[in-house]
N, C-alpha and C. Protein backbone atom coordinates (compact mmCIF):
# COMPACT_ATOMS: atom_id res chain seq x y z
N MET A 1 18.19 -11.53 5.46
CA MET A 1 16.78 -11.38 5.82
C MET A 1 16.17 -10.24 5.01
N SER A 2 14.98 -10.45 4.46
CA SER A 2 14.32 -9.42 3.67
C SER A 2 13.93 -8.25 4.55
N ILE A 3 13.71 -7.08 3.91
CA ILE A 3 13.32 -5.91 4.68
C ILE A 3 11.97 -6.14 5.34
N ALA A 4 11.07 -6.87 4.68
CA ALA A 4 9.76 -7.17 5.29
C ALA A 4 9.93 -7.96 6.57
N ASN A 5 10.79 -8.96 6.55
CA ASN A 5 11.01 -9.77 7.75
C ASN A 5 11.71 -8.98 8.85
N LYS A 6 12.61 -8.07 8.46
CA LYS A 6 13.25 -7.22 9.46
C LYS A 6 12.22 -6.34 10.17
N ILE A 7 11.27 -5.81 9.39
CA ILE A 7 10.23 -4.97 9.99
C ILE A 7 9.34 -5.80 10.91
N ILE A 8 9.00 -7.02 10.49
CA ILE A 8 8.19 -7.90 11.33
C ILE A 8 8.90 -8.17 12.66
N GLU A 9 10.21 -8.39 12.63
CA GLU A 9 10.96 -8.61 13.86
C GLU A 9 10.87 -7.40 14.78
N ALA A 10 10.96 -6.20 14.20
CA ALA A 10 10.84 -4.98 15.00
C ALA A 10 9.42 -4.83 15.56
N MET A 11 8.43 -5.21 14.78
CA MET A 11 7.05 -5.18 15.27
C MET A 11 6.86 -6.13 16.46
N LEU A 12 7.40 -7.33 16.33
CA LEU A 12 7.29 -8.30 17.42
C LEU A 12 7.93 -7.77 18.69
N ALA A 13 9.05 -7.06 18.54
CA ALA A 13 9.72 -6.49 19.71
C ALA A 13 8.85 -5.45 20.39
N GLN A 14 8.14 -4.62 19.59
CA GLN A 14 7.27 -3.61 20.18
C GLN A 14 6.06 -4.24 20.86
N ILE A 15 5.51 -5.28 20.24
CA ILE A 15 4.38 -5.98 20.84
C ILE A 15 4.78 -6.58 22.19
N ASP A 16 5.96 -7.17 22.24
CA ASP A 16 6.45 -7.74 23.50
C ASP A 16 6.73 -6.64 24.52
N HIS A 17 7.34 -5.55 24.08
CA HIS A 17 7.69 -4.46 24.99
C HIS A 17 6.45 -3.87 25.67
N HIS A 18 5.36 -3.74 24.91
CA HIS A 18 4.15 -3.12 25.46
C HIS A 18 3.16 -4.14 26.01
N LYS A 19 3.59 -5.40 26.04
CA LYS A 19 2.77 -6.48 26.62
C LYS A 19 1.39 -6.57 25.96
N LEU A 20 1.38 -6.42 24.65
CA LEU A 20 0.13 -6.55 23.91
C LEU A 20 -0.18 -8.03 23.66
N GLU A 21 -1.45 -8.36 23.54
CA GLU A 21 -1.88 -9.75 23.46
C GLU A 21 -2.22 -10.19 22.03
N LEU A 22 -1.76 -9.45 21.04
CA LEU A 22 -2.12 -9.74 19.65
C LEU A 22 -1.80 -11.18 19.25
N LEU A 23 -0.62 -11.66 19.60
CA LEU A 23 -0.19 -12.98 19.14
C LEU A 23 -0.99 -14.10 19.79
N GLN A 24 -1.58 -13.84 20.95
CA GLN A 24 -2.44 -14.85 21.59
C GLN A 24 -3.79 -14.95 20.88
N HIS A 25 -4.22 -13.86 20.25
CA HIS A 25 -5.56 -13.81 19.67
C HIS A 25 -5.54 -13.95 18.14
N TYR A 26 -4.73 -13.13 17.47
CA TYR A 26 -4.75 -13.07 16.00
C TYR A 26 -3.34 -13.04 15.43
N PRO A 27 -2.56 -14.09 15.64
CA PRO A 27 -1.17 -14.08 15.15
C PRO A 27 -1.05 -13.95 13.64
N ASP A 28 -2.00 -14.54 12.90
CA ASP A 28 -1.91 -14.49 11.44
C ASP A 28 -2.07 -13.08 10.89
N ASP A 29 -2.77 -12.22 11.64
CA ASP A 29 -2.94 -10.84 11.16
C ASP A 29 -1.58 -10.16 10.99
N LEU A 30 -0.66 -10.46 11.89
CA LEU A 30 0.69 -9.90 11.80
C LEU A 30 1.60 -10.77 10.95
N LEU A 31 1.65 -12.05 11.26
CA LEU A 31 2.68 -12.93 10.70
C LEU A 31 2.38 -13.38 9.27
N VAL A 32 1.12 -13.26 8.86
CA VAL A 32 0.75 -13.62 7.49
C VAL A 32 0.32 -12.38 6.71
N HIS A 33 -0.75 -11.71 7.16
CA HIS A 33 -1.32 -10.62 6.38
C HIS A 33 -0.40 -9.39 6.34
N ASP A 34 0.10 -8.96 7.50
CA ASP A 34 1.01 -7.81 7.51
C ASP A 34 2.31 -8.14 6.77
N ARG A 35 2.80 -9.36 6.96
CA ARG A 35 4.04 -9.74 6.26
C ARG A 35 3.84 -9.69 4.74
N ASN A 36 2.69 -10.15 4.27
CA ASN A 36 2.41 -10.12 2.83
C ASN A 36 2.34 -8.68 2.33
N MET A 37 1.68 -7.81 3.10
CA MET A 37 1.59 -6.41 2.69
C MET A 37 2.96 -5.77 2.65
N LEU A 38 3.79 -6.04 3.64
CA LEU A 38 5.14 -5.47 3.67
C LEU A 38 6.00 -6.01 2.53
N SER A 39 5.83 -7.29 2.20
CA SER A 39 6.60 -7.87 1.10
C SER A 39 6.29 -7.16 -0.21
N ARG A 40 5.04 -6.70 -0.36
CA ARG A 40 4.65 -6.02 -1.59
C ARG A 40 4.94 -4.52 -1.56
N SER A 41 4.94 -3.94 -0.37
CA SER A 41 4.94 -2.47 -0.29
C SER A 41 6.15 -1.84 0.37
N ALA A 42 6.95 -2.60 1.13
CA ALA A 42 8.08 -2.00 1.85
C ALA A 42 9.30 -1.89 0.94
N HIS A 43 9.16 -1.07 -0.10
CA HIS A 43 10.25 -0.85 -1.04
C HIS A 43 11.05 0.38 -0.64
N ALA A 44 12.13 0.63 -1.34
CA ALA A 44 12.99 1.77 -1.04
C ALA A 44 12.18 3.06 -1.01
N GLY A 45 12.33 3.81 0.08
CA GLY A 45 11.64 5.08 0.22
C GLY A 45 10.21 5.00 0.70
N ALA A 46 9.69 3.81 0.96
CA ALA A 46 8.29 3.65 1.37
C ALA A 46 8.05 4.23 2.77
N LYS A 47 6.84 4.74 2.97
CA LYS A 47 6.41 5.26 4.27
C LYS A 47 5.11 4.54 4.63
N ILE A 48 5.05 3.96 5.83
CA ILE A 48 3.92 3.13 6.22
C ILE A 48 3.53 3.46 7.65
N GLY A 49 2.24 3.67 7.87
CA GLY A 49 1.73 3.83 9.23
C GLY A 49 1.32 2.48 9.80
N TRP A 50 1.48 2.32 11.09
CA TRP A 50 1.11 1.05 11.75
C TRP A 50 0.44 1.33 13.08
N VAL A 51 -0.70 0.69 13.30
CA VAL A 51 -1.35 0.72 14.60
C VAL A 51 -1.53 -0.72 15.06
N VAL A 52 -1.25 -0.97 16.35
CA VAL A 52 -1.33 -2.33 16.87
C VAL A 52 -1.92 -2.28 18.28
N GLY A 53 -2.76 -3.28 18.57
CA GLY A 53 -3.36 -3.40 19.89
C GLY A 53 -3.49 -4.86 20.27
N ASP A 54 -4.26 -5.14 21.29
CA ASP A 54 -4.43 -6.51 21.77
C ASP A 54 -5.10 -7.40 20.73
N CYS A 55 -6.00 -6.84 19.92
CA CYS A 55 -6.81 -7.66 19.02
C CYS A 55 -6.73 -7.24 17.56
N HIS A 56 -5.81 -6.35 17.19
CA HIS A 56 -5.74 -5.92 15.81
C HIS A 56 -4.37 -5.33 15.48
N THR A 57 -4.05 -5.39 14.20
CA THR A 57 -2.88 -4.72 13.64
C THR A 57 -3.27 -4.22 12.26
N HIS A 58 -2.96 -2.97 11.96
CA HIS A 58 -3.33 -2.39 10.68
C HIS A 58 -2.14 -1.60 10.12
N LEU A 59 -1.89 -1.77 8.83
CA LEU A 59 -0.86 -1.03 8.13
C LEU A 59 -1.51 -0.07 7.14
N ALA A 60 -0.94 1.11 6.99
CA ALA A 60 -1.46 2.10 6.06
C ALA A 60 -0.32 2.57 5.17
N LYS A 61 -0.42 2.27 3.88
CA LYS A 61 0.60 2.69 2.93
C LYS A 61 0.39 4.18 2.63
N LEU A 62 1.45 4.96 2.75
CA LEU A 62 1.34 6.41 2.67
C LEU A 62 2.10 6.97 1.47
N GLY A 63 1.62 8.11 0.98
CA GLY A 63 2.32 8.81 -0.09
C GLY A 63 2.19 8.16 -1.45
N VAL A 64 1.12 7.36 -1.64
CA VAL A 64 0.91 6.67 -2.92
C VAL A 64 -0.38 7.13 -3.58
N HIS A 65 -1.48 7.13 -2.83
CA HIS A 65 -2.80 7.47 -3.37
C HIS A 65 -3.60 8.15 -2.26
N ALA A 66 -4.45 9.11 -2.64
CA ALA A 66 -5.21 9.87 -1.65
C ALA A 66 -6.10 8.97 -0.80
N LYS A 67 -6.71 7.96 -1.41
CA LYS A 67 -7.59 7.07 -0.64
C LYS A 67 -6.80 6.27 0.39
N LEU A 68 -5.59 5.84 0.04
CA LEU A 68 -4.76 5.10 0.99
C LEU A 68 -4.27 6.02 2.10
N ASN A 69 -4.01 7.28 1.77
CA ASN A 69 -3.59 8.24 2.79
C ASN A 69 -4.66 8.48 3.85
N GLU A 70 -5.92 8.21 3.52
CA GLU A 70 -7.00 8.44 4.48
C GLU A 70 -7.01 7.41 5.61
N HIS A 71 -6.39 6.27 5.42
CA HIS A 71 -6.53 5.17 6.38
C HIS A 71 -6.14 5.53 7.81
N PRO A 72 -5.06 6.29 8.05
CA PRO A 72 -4.73 6.61 9.44
C PRO A 72 -5.85 7.34 10.19
N THR A 73 -6.71 8.06 9.46
CA THR A 73 -7.78 8.80 10.13
C THR A 73 -8.86 7.88 10.65
N TYR A 74 -8.89 6.61 10.19
CA TYR A 74 -9.91 5.66 10.63
C TYR A 74 -9.45 4.80 11.81
N LEU A 75 -8.19 4.91 12.20
CA LEU A 75 -7.59 3.88 13.04
C LEU A 75 -7.23 4.33 14.46
N THR A 76 -7.77 5.44 14.91
CA THR A 76 -7.33 5.96 16.20
C THR A 76 -8.28 5.64 17.35
N ALA A 77 -9.41 4.98 17.07
CA ALA A 77 -10.39 4.72 18.14
C ALA A 77 -10.72 3.23 18.26
N LEU A 78 -9.74 2.38 17.97
CA LEU A 78 -10.00 0.94 17.99
C LEU A 78 -9.79 0.31 19.36
N GLY A 79 -8.85 0.84 20.15
CA GLY A 79 -8.57 0.26 21.46
C GLY A 79 -7.77 1.21 22.32
N SER A 80 -8.02 1.17 23.62
CA SER A 80 -7.37 2.11 24.53
C SER A 80 -5.88 1.83 24.70
N LYS A 81 -5.45 0.58 24.44
CA LYS A 81 -4.03 0.24 24.60
C LYS A 81 -3.24 0.33 23.29
N ASP A 82 -3.86 0.80 22.24
CA ASP A 82 -3.21 0.82 20.92
C ASP A 82 -1.94 1.66 20.95
N ARG A 83 -0.97 1.23 20.13
CA ARG A 83 0.28 1.97 19.93
C ARG A 83 0.36 2.34 18.44
N PHE A 84 0.99 3.47 18.15
CA PHE A 84 1.00 4.03 16.80
C PHE A 84 2.44 4.29 16.36
N TYR A 85 2.72 3.95 15.10
CA TYR A 85 4.09 4.02 14.59
C TYR A 85 4.12 4.53 13.15
N VAL A 86 5.28 5.08 12.79
CA VAL A 86 5.57 5.39 11.39
C VAL A 86 6.83 4.62 11.01
N ILE A 87 6.73 3.87 9.92
CA ILE A 87 7.86 3.08 9.41
C ILE A 87 8.35 3.75 8.14
N ASP A 88 9.64 4.08 8.10
CA ASP A 88 10.25 4.68 6.91
C ASP A 88 11.34 3.74 6.40
N VAL A 89 11.19 3.28 5.16
CA VAL A 89 12.21 2.44 4.54
C VAL A 89 13.24 3.35 3.88
N ALA A 90 14.50 3.09 4.12
CA ALA A 90 15.58 3.92 3.59
C ALA A 90 15.59 3.91 2.07
N ARG A 91 16.17 4.96 1.48
CA ARG A 91 16.26 5.05 0.02
C ARG A 91 17.07 3.89 -0.55
N SER A 92 17.96 3.34 0.24
CA SER A 92 18.75 2.19 -0.21
C SER A 92 17.91 0.92 -0.25
N GLY A 93 16.81 0.91 0.52
CA GLY A 93 15.92 -0.24 0.54
C GLY A 93 16.35 -1.37 1.46
N ASP A 94 17.50 -1.22 2.13
CA ASP A 94 18.00 -2.33 2.96
C ASP A 94 17.94 -2.05 4.46
N SER A 95 17.35 -0.92 4.85
CA SER A 95 17.20 -0.61 6.28
C SER A 95 15.93 0.23 6.45
N PHE A 96 15.55 0.45 7.70
CA PHE A 96 14.33 1.20 7.97
C PHE A 96 14.41 1.81 9.35
N SER A 97 13.51 2.75 9.61
CA SER A 97 13.34 3.28 10.96
C SER A 97 11.88 3.08 11.36
N MET A 98 11.66 2.89 12.66
CA MET A 98 10.31 2.76 13.20
C MET A 98 10.20 3.72 14.37
N LYS A 99 9.30 4.68 14.24
CA LYS A 99 9.16 5.72 15.26
C LYS A 99 7.75 5.66 15.84
N GLU A 100 7.65 5.60 17.16
CA GLU A 100 6.33 5.65 17.79
C GLU A 100 5.85 7.09 17.83
N VAL A 101 4.56 7.29 17.50
CA VAL A 101 3.94 8.61 17.52
C VAL A 101 2.71 8.56 18.41
N THR A 102 2.15 9.70 18.70
CA THR A 102 0.98 9.74 19.58
C THR A 102 -0.30 9.43 18.80
N ARG A 103 -1.30 9.01 19.53
CA ARG A 103 -2.62 8.79 18.95
C ARG A 103 -3.13 10.07 18.27
N GLU A 104 -2.86 11.22 18.91
CA GLU A 104 -3.37 12.49 18.40
C GLU A 104 -2.69 12.89 17.09
N SER A 105 -1.41 12.53 16.92
CA SER A 105 -0.69 12.95 15.72
C SER A 105 -0.82 11.96 14.57
N PHE A 106 -1.26 10.74 14.85
CA PHE A 106 -1.32 9.71 13.81
C PHE A 106 -2.18 10.12 12.61
N PRO A 107 -3.37 10.74 12.81
CA PRO A 107 -4.18 11.12 11.64
C PRO A 107 -3.49 12.11 10.70
N SER A 108 -2.51 12.86 11.20
CA SER A 108 -1.83 13.84 10.33
C SER A 108 -1.03 13.16 9.21
N LEU A 109 -0.82 11.84 9.33
CA LEU A 109 -0.15 11.12 8.25
C LEU A 109 -0.96 11.16 6.96
N ALA A 110 -2.24 11.50 7.07
CA ALA A 110 -3.07 11.64 5.87
C ALA A 110 -2.56 12.75 4.96
N HIS A 111 -1.72 13.63 5.49
CA HIS A 111 -1.18 14.74 4.69
C HIS A 111 0.17 14.41 4.05
N THR A 112 0.58 13.15 4.10
CA THR A 112 1.83 12.75 3.45
C THR A 112 1.76 13.10 1.96
N PRO A 113 2.76 13.83 1.44
CA PRO A 113 2.73 14.22 0.02
C PRO A 113 2.67 13.01 -0.91
N ILE A 114 1.93 13.16 -2.00
CA ILE A 114 1.78 12.11 -2.99
C ILE A 114 2.38 12.58 -4.32
N PRO A 115 3.45 11.95 -4.77
CA PRO A 115 4.08 12.40 -6.03
C PRO A 115 3.41 11.84 -7.28
N TYR A 116 2.42 10.96 -7.11
CA TYR A 116 1.81 10.29 -8.27
C TYR A 116 0.55 11.03 -8.73
N LYS A 117 0.27 10.95 -10.02
CA LYS A 117 -0.97 11.51 -10.56
C LYS A 117 -1.41 10.67 -11.76
N ARG A 118 -2.71 10.66 -11.97
CA ARG A 118 -3.30 9.90 -13.07
C ARG A 118 -3.63 10.84 -14.22
N ILE A 119 -3.24 10.44 -15.42
CA ILE A 119 -3.63 11.16 -16.63
C ILE A 119 -4.52 10.23 -17.43
N GLY A 120 -5.80 10.55 -17.47
CA GLY A 120 -6.77 9.70 -18.12
C GLY A 120 -7.91 9.41 -17.17
N ASN A 121 -8.82 8.55 -17.58
CA ASN A 121 -9.94 8.20 -16.71
C ASN A 121 -9.70 6.87 -16.03
N ALA A 122 -10.65 6.42 -15.21
CA ALA A 122 -10.43 5.22 -14.41
C ALA A 122 -10.19 3.99 -15.26
N SER A 123 -10.78 3.92 -16.44
CA SER A 123 -10.68 2.71 -17.26
C SER A 123 -9.43 2.67 -18.13
N ALA A 124 -8.76 3.79 -18.31
CA ALA A 124 -7.55 3.82 -19.15
C ALA A 124 -6.73 5.04 -18.79
N PHE A 125 -5.55 4.83 -18.23
CA PHE A 125 -4.75 5.98 -17.82
C PHE A 125 -3.26 5.68 -17.79
N TRP A 126 -2.49 6.76 -17.83
CA TRP A 126 -1.06 6.73 -17.53
C TRP A 126 -0.89 7.19 -16.10
N LEU A 127 0.04 6.57 -15.39
CA LEU A 127 0.42 7.04 -14.06
C LEU A 127 1.77 7.73 -14.16
N TYR A 128 1.83 8.92 -13.58
CA TYR A 128 3.07 9.69 -13.54
C TYR A 128 3.55 9.80 -12.10
N LYS A 129 4.86 9.84 -11.93
CA LYS A 129 5.47 10.22 -10.65
C LYS A 129 6.18 11.53 -10.90
N ASN A 130 5.64 12.59 -10.33
CA ASN A 130 6.06 13.95 -10.69
C ASN A 130 5.86 14.10 -12.19
N ASP A 131 6.92 14.28 -12.98
CA ASP A 131 6.76 14.44 -14.43
C ASP A 131 7.25 13.24 -15.22
N THR A 132 7.45 12.12 -14.54
CA THR A 132 7.99 10.93 -15.19
C THR A 132 6.92 9.85 -15.28
N ARG A 133 6.77 9.24 -16.45
CA ARG A 133 5.79 8.18 -16.62
C ARG A 133 6.23 6.93 -15.85
N VAL A 134 5.27 6.37 -15.11
CA VAL A 134 5.49 5.11 -14.40
C VAL A 134 5.00 3.93 -15.23
N GLY A 135 3.79 4.07 -15.78
CA GLY A 135 3.22 2.98 -16.55
C GLY A 135 1.79 3.28 -16.92
N THR A 136 1.14 2.30 -17.49
CA THR A 136 -0.21 2.47 -18.00
C THR A 136 -1.13 1.37 -17.48
N VAL A 137 -2.41 1.70 -17.34
CA VAL A 137 -3.42 0.78 -16.84
C VAL A 137 -4.64 0.85 -17.74
N THR A 138 -5.17 -0.31 -18.10
CA THR A 138 -6.44 -0.40 -18.83
C THR A 138 -7.33 -1.40 -18.10
N ILE A 139 -8.58 -1.02 -17.83
CA ILE A 139 -9.50 -1.89 -17.09
C ILE A 139 -10.77 -2.10 -17.91
N VAL A 140 -11.16 -3.35 -18.06
CA VAL A 140 -12.39 -3.71 -18.77
C VAL A 140 -13.26 -4.53 -17.82
N ARG A 141 -14.52 -4.13 -17.69
CA ARG A 141 -15.45 -4.88 -16.84
C ARG A 141 -15.99 -6.08 -17.62
N THR A 142 -15.78 -7.27 -17.08
CA THR A 142 -16.28 -8.49 -17.71
C THR A 142 -17.07 -9.27 -16.65
N GLY A 143 -17.30 -10.54 -16.90
CA GLY A 143 -18.09 -11.34 -15.97
C GLY A 143 -19.57 -11.09 -16.15
N THR A 144 -20.34 -11.34 -15.11
CA THR A 144 -21.78 -11.17 -15.15
C THR A 144 -22.18 -9.94 -14.34
N TYR A 145 -23.44 -9.59 -14.45
CA TYR A 145 -23.95 -8.46 -13.66
C TYR A 145 -23.83 -8.75 -12.17
N GLU A 146 -24.13 -10.00 -11.80
CA GLU A 146 -24.07 -10.38 -10.39
C GLU A 146 -22.63 -10.54 -9.90
N LYS A 147 -21.74 -11.01 -10.78
CA LYS A 147 -20.35 -11.24 -10.41
C LYS A 147 -19.41 -10.62 -11.44
N PRO A 148 -19.30 -9.30 -11.41
CA PRO A 148 -18.41 -8.64 -12.37
C PRO A 148 -16.94 -8.90 -12.05
N VAL A 149 -16.14 -8.93 -13.10
CA VAL A 149 -14.69 -9.07 -12.97
C VAL A 149 -14.06 -7.85 -13.64
N TYR A 150 -13.04 -7.28 -13.01
CA TYR A 150 -12.37 -6.11 -13.57
C TYR A 150 -11.02 -6.56 -14.12
N ASP A 151 -11.03 -6.88 -15.44
CA ASP A 151 -9.81 -7.33 -16.12
C ASP A 151 -8.88 -6.14 -16.29
N THR A 152 -7.75 -6.20 -15.63
CA THR A 152 -6.83 -5.06 -15.53
C THR A 152 -5.50 -5.39 -16.17
N THR A 153 -5.16 -4.62 -17.19
CA THR A 153 -3.89 -4.81 -17.90
C THR A 153 -2.95 -3.68 -17.50
N LEU A 154 -1.75 -4.05 -17.03
CA LEU A 154 -0.78 -3.07 -16.55
C LEU A 154 0.54 -3.24 -17.30
N ALA A 155 1.23 -2.13 -17.52
CA ALA A 155 2.57 -2.17 -18.10
C ALA A 155 3.37 -1.02 -17.52
N VAL A 156 4.56 -1.32 -17.03
CA VAL A 156 5.43 -0.27 -16.48
C VAL A 156 6.46 0.14 -17.53
N MET A 157 6.99 1.32 -17.35
CA MET A 157 8.11 1.75 -18.19
C MET A 157 9.34 0.91 -17.84
N ALA A 158 10.13 0.58 -18.83
CA ALA A 158 11.35 -0.18 -18.59
C ALA A 158 12.22 0.56 -17.58
N GLY A 159 12.75 -0.17 -16.62
CA GLY A 159 13.61 0.42 -15.59
C GLY A 159 12.86 0.98 -14.40
N THR A 160 11.54 0.84 -14.38
CA THR A 160 10.74 1.34 -13.25
C THR A 160 11.10 0.58 -11.97
N SER A 161 11.17 1.30 -10.86
CA SER A 161 11.53 0.67 -9.59
C SER A 161 10.39 -0.22 -9.09
N ASP A 162 10.73 -1.13 -8.17
CA ASP A 162 9.71 -2.00 -7.58
C ASP A 162 8.65 -1.18 -6.84
N GLY A 163 9.06 -0.11 -6.19
CA GLY A 163 8.12 0.73 -5.46
C GLY A 163 7.12 1.40 -6.39
N ASP A 164 7.59 1.90 -7.53
CA ASP A 164 6.70 2.54 -8.49
C ASP A 164 5.80 1.51 -9.17
N LYS A 165 6.31 0.31 -9.38
CA LYS A 165 5.48 -0.76 -9.93
C LYS A 165 4.35 -1.10 -8.96
N ALA A 166 4.66 -1.18 -7.67
CA ALA A 166 3.62 -1.44 -6.67
C ALA A 166 2.60 -0.30 -6.64
N ALA A 167 3.08 0.95 -6.82
CA ALA A 167 2.17 2.09 -6.84
C ALA A 167 1.21 2.00 -8.03
N LEU A 168 1.71 1.55 -9.17
CA LEU A 168 0.85 1.39 -10.34
C LEU A 168 -0.27 0.39 -10.04
N GLU A 169 0.07 -0.69 -9.36
CA GLU A 169 -0.95 -1.68 -8.99
C GLU A 169 -1.95 -1.08 -8.00
N ASP A 170 -1.47 -0.29 -7.05
CA ASP A 170 -2.38 0.36 -6.09
C ASP A 170 -3.35 1.30 -6.82
N TRP A 171 -2.84 2.06 -7.77
CA TRP A 171 -3.70 2.97 -8.53
C TRP A 171 -4.69 2.19 -9.39
N ALA A 172 -4.27 1.04 -9.92
CA ALA A 172 -5.19 0.20 -10.69
C ALA A 172 -6.33 -0.30 -9.82
N ILE A 173 -6.01 -0.74 -8.60
CA ILE A 173 -7.04 -1.22 -7.67
C ILE A 173 -8.02 -0.10 -7.33
N GLN A 174 -7.50 1.09 -7.05
CA GLN A 174 -8.37 2.21 -6.71
C GLN A 174 -9.23 2.62 -7.90
N ALA A 175 -8.70 2.51 -9.12
CA ALA A 175 -9.49 2.83 -10.31
C ALA A 175 -10.62 1.82 -10.49
N ALA A 176 -10.35 0.55 -10.23
CA ALA A 176 -11.39 -0.48 -10.33
C ALA A 176 -12.48 -0.23 -9.29
N ILE A 177 -12.07 0.17 -8.08
CA ILE A 177 -13.05 0.50 -7.03
C ILE A 177 -13.91 1.68 -7.47
N GLU A 178 -13.27 2.66 -8.10
CA GLU A 178 -14.01 3.82 -8.60
C GLU A 178 -15.03 3.40 -9.65
N MET A 179 -14.63 2.53 -10.56
CA MET A 179 -15.55 2.05 -11.60
C MET A 179 -16.69 1.25 -11.00
N ALA A 180 -16.39 0.44 -10.00
CA ALA A 180 -17.41 -0.44 -9.42
C ALA A 180 -18.33 0.28 -8.45
N GLY A 181 -17.82 1.34 -7.83
CA GLY A 181 -18.60 2.04 -6.82
C GLY A 181 -18.68 1.28 -5.51
N THR A 182 -17.74 0.35 -5.30
CA THR A 182 -17.72 -0.44 -4.07
C THR A 182 -16.30 -0.94 -3.82
N LEU A 183 -15.99 -1.18 -2.54
CA LEU A 183 -14.69 -1.74 -2.19
C LEU A 183 -14.61 -3.23 -2.52
N PHE A 184 -15.76 -3.86 -2.71
CA PHE A 184 -15.80 -5.31 -2.90
C PHE A 184 -15.73 -5.62 -4.39
N ILE A 185 -14.50 -5.72 -4.88
CA ILE A 185 -14.28 -5.93 -6.31
C ILE A 185 -13.48 -7.21 -6.52
N ASN A 186 -13.53 -7.68 -7.75
CA ASN A 186 -12.76 -8.87 -8.14
C ASN A 186 -11.85 -8.48 -9.30
N PRO A 187 -10.66 -7.92 -9.00
CA PRO A 187 -9.76 -7.54 -10.09
C PRO A 187 -8.96 -8.75 -10.57
N ARG A 188 -8.62 -8.74 -11.85
CA ARG A 188 -7.79 -9.80 -12.42
C ARG A 188 -6.68 -9.11 -13.21
N PHE A 189 -5.44 -9.29 -12.75
CA PHE A 189 -4.31 -8.54 -13.31
C PHE A 189 -3.59 -9.31 -14.40
N THR A 190 -3.22 -8.59 -15.45
CA THR A 190 -2.33 -9.10 -16.50
C THR A 190 -1.22 -8.08 -16.69
N TRP A 191 0.02 -8.51 -16.43
CA TRP A 191 1.17 -7.62 -16.61
C TRP A 191 1.76 -7.84 -17.99
N GLN A 192 1.87 -6.77 -18.76
CA GLN A 192 2.50 -6.83 -20.06
C GLN A 192 4.00 -6.57 -19.92
N ALA A 193 4.73 -6.78 -21.01
CA ALA A 193 6.18 -6.53 -20.99
C ALA A 193 6.42 -5.04 -20.73
N PRO A 194 7.52 -4.70 -20.05
CA PRO A 194 7.82 -3.28 -19.81
C PRO A 194 7.88 -2.48 -21.13
N ILE A 195 7.49 -1.23 -21.03
CA ILE A 195 7.44 -0.35 -22.20
C ILE A 195 8.79 0.33 -22.35
N GLU A 196 9.37 0.20 -23.50
CA GLU A 196 10.64 0.90 -23.78
C GLU A 196 10.34 2.37 -24.07
N LEU A 197 11.27 3.24 -23.70
CA LEU A 197 11.05 4.67 -23.82
C LEU A 197 10.75 5.08 -25.26
N ALA A 198 11.42 4.47 -26.23
CA ALA A 198 11.20 4.83 -27.62
C ALA A 198 9.77 4.53 -28.05
N LEU A 199 9.21 3.43 -27.54
CA LEU A 199 7.85 3.05 -27.91
C LEU A 199 6.85 4.02 -27.27
N ALA A 200 7.12 4.43 -26.04
CA ALA A 200 6.22 5.36 -25.36
C ALA A 200 6.20 6.69 -26.08
N ALA A 201 7.35 7.14 -26.56
CA ALA A 201 7.43 8.41 -27.27
C ALA A 201 6.62 8.34 -28.56
């Protein structure tokens, strides 16, 4: 069973334990949308916040980008029966822990350290993790004025982990949002072949 499916099973157990009505109202929010997010983001070492109630479930990817770190601060006033959790994927990538936290402490997840930084501007940059290059992103605005498209070309360094590759995509999305000035964007991704270290040098 994939780590994403293992986490979904643990989520279902918590929903049942607290007698929440999510599955009666919005099952796809958990079983489709959350599962898809976990499949893309629950890599080795990942940290994810989760809030769940009778009518909603929200995941917040932590320690990747400052804008994503802000999400827990928006999620504490949605419902009186809400439960709050922190999911930590092990460094091995094959196990995880899920810890329930209080409503009051959940916003502090916004302070999760971020090892990534951008060198360059929103339209063309290298992403670093600490002092190591992760990959490069180039974004060109195409389409029409009414329906712009953000053509995004990404390339990771050879040997980059799946988690760092996902982080590069997250940074690309946030850069496109910065260029557009709105959350409602239409990005189009093209992944190039991994960059060999000799070529990067």
